[in-house]
Amino acid sequence: MTIPEYVFAQTLKSLFEPIRALLEDDTVSEILINGHDEIYIERRGTLARVEQRFASDYELLAALRNLSQYVGRAVGEAGALRLAPLPTSCWPHPSRP
C-alpha cells in the first residue's frame, strides 16, 4: 500500500514545524542544522545562527527519517540526503555526525 503524497507532505510540515518559517522564507537561501539546538541560515550571503530549535535529537532524527522516506533515500550513520526536494521545493542536505 502506497501512502498518498499529500499525507507525506502534511507529515513533513508537522515534523519540520520548528523551522517551517525558515523553509517558507524566500530570503533564506540555505538552512544548516548541526543538531537539534544548533541551526544556522544563510541570507543574502551572510550566515547567522537562529533561535529555532527542535525539542531533541530524537525529534530531529524523526523528521529526517520521514524526509528520507518521502524522497526514497536513507539517512545512514554517516550518510546524507542530497538533491531531493521538499514539498516546498526546498532542497535539503541533512547529514548525521
N, C-alpha and C. Protein backbone atom coordinates (compact mmCIF):
# COMPACT_ATOMS: atom_id res chain seq x y z
N MET A 1 0.83 -1.18 0.00
CA MET A 1 0.00 0.00 0.00
C MET A 1 0.88 1.25 0.00
N THR A 2 0.66 2.12 -0.94
CA THR A 2 1.42 3.36 -1.04
C THR A 2 0.69 4.48 -0.31
N ILE A 3 1.44 5.22 0.48
CA ILE A 3 0.86 6.35 1.20
C ILE A 3 0.78 7.53 0.25
N PRO A 4 -0.37 8.20 0.16
CA PRO A 4 -0.51 9.33 -0.76
C PRO A 4 0.48 10.46 -0.45
N GLU A 5 0.91 11.13 -1.51
CA GLU A 5 1.90 12.20 -1.37
C GLU A 5 1.43 13.30 -0.42
N TYR A 6 0.14 13.64 -0.44
CA TYR A 6 -0.34 14.71 0.43
C TYR A 6 -0.20 14.34 1.91
N VAL A 7 -0.27 13.03 2.23
CA VAL A 7 -0.09 12.59 3.61
C VAL A 7 1.36 12.83 4.03
N PHE A 8 2.31 12.46 3.17
CA PHE A 8 3.71 12.72 3.46
C PHE A 8 3.96 14.22 3.60
N ALA A 9 3.40 15.01 2.71
CA ALA A 9 3.60 16.46 2.76
C ALA A 9 3.10 17.03 4.08
N GLN A 10 1.93 16.61 4.52
CA GLN A 10 1.39 17.11 5.80
C GLN A 10 2.25 16.63 6.97
N THR A 11 2.72 15.39 6.90
CA THR A 11 3.57 14.87 7.96
C THR A 11 4.87 15.65 8.04
N LEU A 12 5.48 15.91 6.87
CA LEU A 12 6.73 16.67 6.86
C LEU A 12 6.53 18.08 7.40
N LYS A 13 5.43 18.72 7.03
CA LYS A 13 5.16 20.06 7.56
C LYS A 13 5.08 20.02 9.07
N SER A 14 4.44 19.01 9.60
CA SER A 14 4.31 18.88 11.05
C SER A 14 5.67 18.62 11.71
N LEU A 15 6.44 17.69 11.16
CA LEU A 15 7.73 17.33 11.75
C LEU A 15 8.76 18.46 11.65
N PHE A 16 8.68 19.27 10.59
CA PHE A 16 9.62 20.37 10.43
C PHE A 16 9.04 21.70 10.92
N GLU A 17 8.01 21.63 11.73
CA GLU A 17 7.38 22.84 12.27
C GLU A 17 8.38 23.79 12.95
N PRO A 18 9.38 23.28 13.69
CA PRO A 18 10.32 24.20 14.33
C PRO A 18 11.05 25.13 13.35
N ILE A 19 11.20 24.70 12.09
CA ILE A 19 11.89 25.55 11.12
C ILE A 19 11.00 25.92 9.94
N ARG A 20 9.72 25.72 10.09
CA ARG A 20 8.79 25.97 8.98
C ARG A 20 8.87 27.40 8.46
N ALA A 21 8.93 28.36 9.35
CA ALA A 21 9.02 29.77 8.92
C ALA A 21 10.27 29.99 8.08
N LEU A 22 11.36 29.33 8.42
CA LEU A 22 12.60 29.47 7.65
C LEU A 22 12.45 28.82 6.28
N LEU A 23 11.79 27.67 6.21
CA LEU A 23 11.57 26.98 4.94
C LEU A 23 10.70 27.81 3.99
N GLU A 24 9.80 28.58 4.56
CA GLU A 24 8.87 29.38 3.75
C GLU A 24 9.38 30.79 3.47
N ASP A 25 10.53 31.15 4.05
CA ASP A 25 11.10 32.49 3.88
C ASP A 25 11.93 32.53 2.60
N ASP A 26 11.47 33.29 1.61
CA ASP A 26 12.18 33.36 0.33
C ASP A 26 13.55 34.02 0.43
N THR A 27 13.83 34.73 1.52
CA THR A 27 15.13 35.37 1.66
C THR A 27 16.18 34.43 2.24
N VAL A 28 15.75 33.28 2.73
CA VAL A 28 16.69 32.28 3.28
C VAL A 28 17.13 31.37 2.15
N SER A 29 18.43 31.40 1.85
CA SER A 29 18.94 30.59 0.75
C SER A 29 19.42 29.22 1.20
N GLU A 30 19.72 29.07 2.48
CA GLU A 30 20.19 27.77 2.98
C GLU A 30 19.92 27.67 4.47
N ILE A 31 19.60 26.45 4.91
CA ILE A 31 19.41 26.16 6.33
C ILE A 31 20.40 25.06 6.68
N LEU A 32 21.21 25.30 7.69
CA LEU A 32 22.20 24.32 8.13
C LEU A 32 21.83 23.88 9.53
N ILE A 33 21.63 22.58 9.72
CA ILE A 33 21.23 22.04 11.01
C ILE A 33 22.37 21.15 11.51
N ASN A 34 23.05 21.61 12.55
CA ASN A 34 24.17 20.85 13.11
C ASN A 34 23.75 20.03 14.32
N GLY A 35 22.52 20.12 14.71
CA GLY A 35 21.97 19.40 15.85
C GLY A 35 20.62 19.99 16.17
N HIS A 36 19.91 19.37 17.08
CA HIS A 36 18.55 19.84 17.35
C HIS A 36 18.50 21.27 17.87
N ASP A 37 19.59 21.73 18.47
CA ASP A 37 19.61 23.07 19.05
C ASP A 37 20.66 23.99 18.43
N GLU A 38 21.16 23.63 17.27
CA GLU A 38 22.17 24.45 16.59
C GLU A 38 21.80 24.57 15.11
N ILE A 39 21.10 25.66 14.80
CA ILE A 39 20.58 25.86 13.44
C ILE A 39 21.06 27.21 12.92
N TYR A 40 21.54 27.20 11.68
CA TYR A 40 22.03 28.42 11.03
C TYR A 40 21.28 28.61 9.72
N ILE A 41 21.22 29.86 9.28
CA ILE A 41 20.66 30.15 7.96
C ILE A 41 21.63 31.03 7.20
N GLU A 42 21.52 30.95 5.88
CA GLU A 42 22.24 31.88 5.01
C GLU A 42 21.19 32.78 4.38
N ARG A 43 21.42 34.06 4.54
CA ARG A 43 20.51 35.06 3.96
C ARG A 43 21.39 36.16 3.36
N ARG A 44 21.21 36.38 2.05
CA ARG A 44 21.99 37.39 1.33
C ARG A 44 23.51 37.21 1.53
N GLY A 45 23.95 35.96 1.53
CA GLY A 45 25.37 35.66 1.63
C GLY A 45 25.95 35.70 3.04
N THR A 46 25.10 35.93 4.03
CA THR A 46 25.57 36.02 5.41
C THR A 46 25.00 34.85 6.21
N LEU A 47 25.88 34.18 6.95
CA LEU A 47 25.49 33.05 7.79
C LEU A 47 25.19 33.56 9.19
N ALA A 48 24.06 33.12 9.75
CA ALA A 48 23.67 33.56 11.09
C ALA A 48 23.01 32.41 11.84
N ARG A 49 23.29 32.33 13.12
CA ARG A 49 22.63 31.34 13.97
C ARG A 49 21.24 31.87 14.31
N VAL A 50 20.26 30.97 14.34
CA VAL A 50 18.88 31.36 14.63
C VAL A 50 18.41 30.71 15.93
N GLU A 51 17.31 31.22 16.44
CA GLU A 51 16.77 30.74 17.71
C GLU A 51 15.93 29.47 17.57
N GLN A 52 15.49 29.15 16.36
CA GLN A 52 14.66 27.97 16.18
C GLN A 52 15.40 26.72 16.65
N ARG A 53 14.65 25.80 17.25
CA ARG A 53 15.21 24.57 17.78
C ARG A 53 14.22 23.42 17.60
N PHE A 54 14.75 22.23 17.45
CA PHE A 54 13.95 21.03 17.59
C PHE A 54 14.00 20.67 19.07
N ALA A 55 12.99 20.00 19.58
CA ALA A 55 12.92 19.71 21.01
C ALA A 55 14.05 18.78 21.47
N SER A 56 14.49 17.90 20.57
CA SER A 56 15.52 16.92 20.94
C SER A 56 16.16 16.36 19.68
N ASP A 57 17.26 15.64 19.87
CA ASP A 57 17.88 14.95 18.74
C ASP A 57 16.91 13.92 18.16
N TYR A 58 16.12 13.29 19.03
CA TYR A 58 15.14 12.31 18.58
C TYR A 58 14.11 12.96 17.64
N GLU A 59 13.62 14.15 18.00
CA GLU A 59 12.65 14.84 17.15
C GLU A 59 13.25 15.20 15.80
N LEU A 60 14.50 15.66 15.80
CA LEU A 60 15.19 15.98 14.55
C LEU A 60 15.38 14.72 13.71
N LEU A 61 15.83 13.64 14.32
CA LEU A 61 16.04 12.39 13.60
C LEU A 61 14.73 11.86 13.02
N ALA A 62 13.64 11.98 13.76
CA ALA A 62 12.33 11.55 13.25
C ALA A 62 11.96 12.35 12.00
N ALA A 63 12.21 13.65 12.02
CA ALA A 63 11.92 14.48 10.85
C ALA A 63 12.79 14.06 9.67
N LEU A 64 14.07 13.82 9.91
CA LEU A 64 14.99 13.42 8.83
C LEU A 64 14.63 12.05 8.27
N ARG A 65 14.25 11.13 9.13
CA ARG A 65 13.86 9.80 8.64
C ARG A 65 12.60 9.86 7.81
N ASN A 66 11.64 10.67 8.22
CA ASN A 66 10.43 10.81 7.42
C ASN A 66 10.73 11.48 6.09
N LEU A 67 11.61 12.47 6.11
CA LEU A 67 12.03 13.12 4.87
C LEU A 67 12.70 12.10 3.96
N SER A 68 13.57 11.27 4.52
CA SER A 68 14.27 10.28 3.70
C SER A 68 13.29 9.30 3.07
N GLN A 69 12.25 8.93 3.81
CA GLN A 69 11.23 8.05 3.26
C GLN A 69 10.47 8.75 2.13
N TYR A 70 10.18 10.02 2.32
CA TYR A 70 9.45 10.80 1.32
C TYR A 70 10.21 10.87 0.00
N VAL A 71 11.54 11.05 0.08
CA VAL A 71 12.33 11.20 -1.14
C VAL A 71 12.95 9.88 -1.62
N GLY A 72 12.73 8.81 -0.85
CA GLY A 72 13.19 7.49 -1.27
C GLY A 72 14.67 7.26 -1.07
N ARG A 73 15.24 7.92 -0.06
CA ARG A 73 16.66 7.73 0.25
C ARG A 73 16.82 7.51 1.74
N ALA A 74 17.88 6.84 2.13
CA ALA A 74 18.10 6.54 3.54
C ALA A 74 19.04 7.54 4.19
N VAL A 75 18.84 7.75 5.49
CA VAL A 75 19.78 8.53 6.29
C VAL A 75 20.56 7.52 7.10
N GLY A 76 21.84 7.34 6.76
CA GLY A 76 22.67 6.39 7.47
C GLY A 76 23.46 7.07 8.57
N GLU A 77 24.25 6.31 9.27
CA GLU A 77 25.06 6.86 10.36
C GLU A 77 25.97 7.98 9.87
N ALA A 78 26.58 7.81 8.73
CA ALA A 78 27.46 8.85 8.20
C ALA A 78 26.95 9.37 6.87
N GLY A 79 25.76 8.96 6.50
CA GLY A 79 25.21 9.32 5.19
C GLY A 79 24.54 10.68 5.19
N ALA A 80 24.06 11.04 4.05
CA ALA A 80 23.37 12.32 3.90
C ALA A 80 22.28 12.19 2.85
N LEU A 81 21.27 12.99 2.99
CA LEU A 81 20.26 13.12 1.94
C LEU A 81 20.69 14.27 1.05
N ARG A 82 20.69 14.07 -0.24
CA ARG A 82 21.10 15.14 -1.13
C ARG A 82 20.19 15.20 -2.35
N LEU A 83 20.01 16.39 -2.85
CA LEU A 83 19.28 16.62 -4.09
C LEU A 83 17.92 15.94 -4.12
N ALA A 84 17.12 16.22 -3.11
CA ALA A 84 15.78 15.69 -3.04
C ALA A 84 14.86 16.79 -2.50
N PRO A 85 13.99 17.34 -3.32
CA PRO A 85 13.22 18.50 -2.88
C PRO A 85 12.11 18.16 -1.88
N LEU A 86 11.89 19.08 -0.95
CA LEU A 86 10.76 19.01 -0.04
C LEU A 86 9.51 19.44 -0.80
N PRO A 87 8.33 19.23 -0.23
CA PRO A 87 7.11 19.70 -0.89
C PRO A 87 7.12 21.21 -1.12
N THR A 88 7.93 21.94 -0.35
CA THR A 88 8.02 23.39 -0.51
C THR A 88 9.01 23.77 -1.61
N SER A 89 9.56 22.79 -2.33
CA SER A 89 10.56 22.97 -3.38
C SER A 89 11.94 23.32 -2.82
N CYS A 90 12.15 23.19 -1.52
CA CYS A 90 13.48 23.38 -0.93
C CYS A 90 14.29 22.12 -1.18
N TRP A 91 15.59 22.27 -1.23
CA TRP A 91 16.48 21.13 -1.46
C TRP A 91 17.29 20.87 -0.19
N PRO A 92 16.94 19.84 0.58
CA PRO A 92 17.65 19.56 1.84
C PRO A 92 18.97 18.83 1.61
N HIS A 93 19.89 19.04 2.53
CA HIS A 93 21.16 18.33 2.52
C HIS A 93 21.50 17.91 3.95
N PRO A 94 20.61 17.20 4.66
CA PRO A 94 20.92 16.84 6.04
C PRO A 94 21.93 15.71 6.11
N SER A 95 22.73 15.73 7.15
CA SER A 95 23.64 14.61 7.41
C SER A 95 23.72 14.42 8.92
N ARG A 96 24.09 13.23 9.30
CA ARG A 96 24.22 12.93 10.73
C ARG A 96 25.69 12.82 11.06
N PRO A 97 26.09 13.48 12.15
CA PRO A 97 27.51 13.38 12.57
C PRO A 97 27.86 11.98 13.04
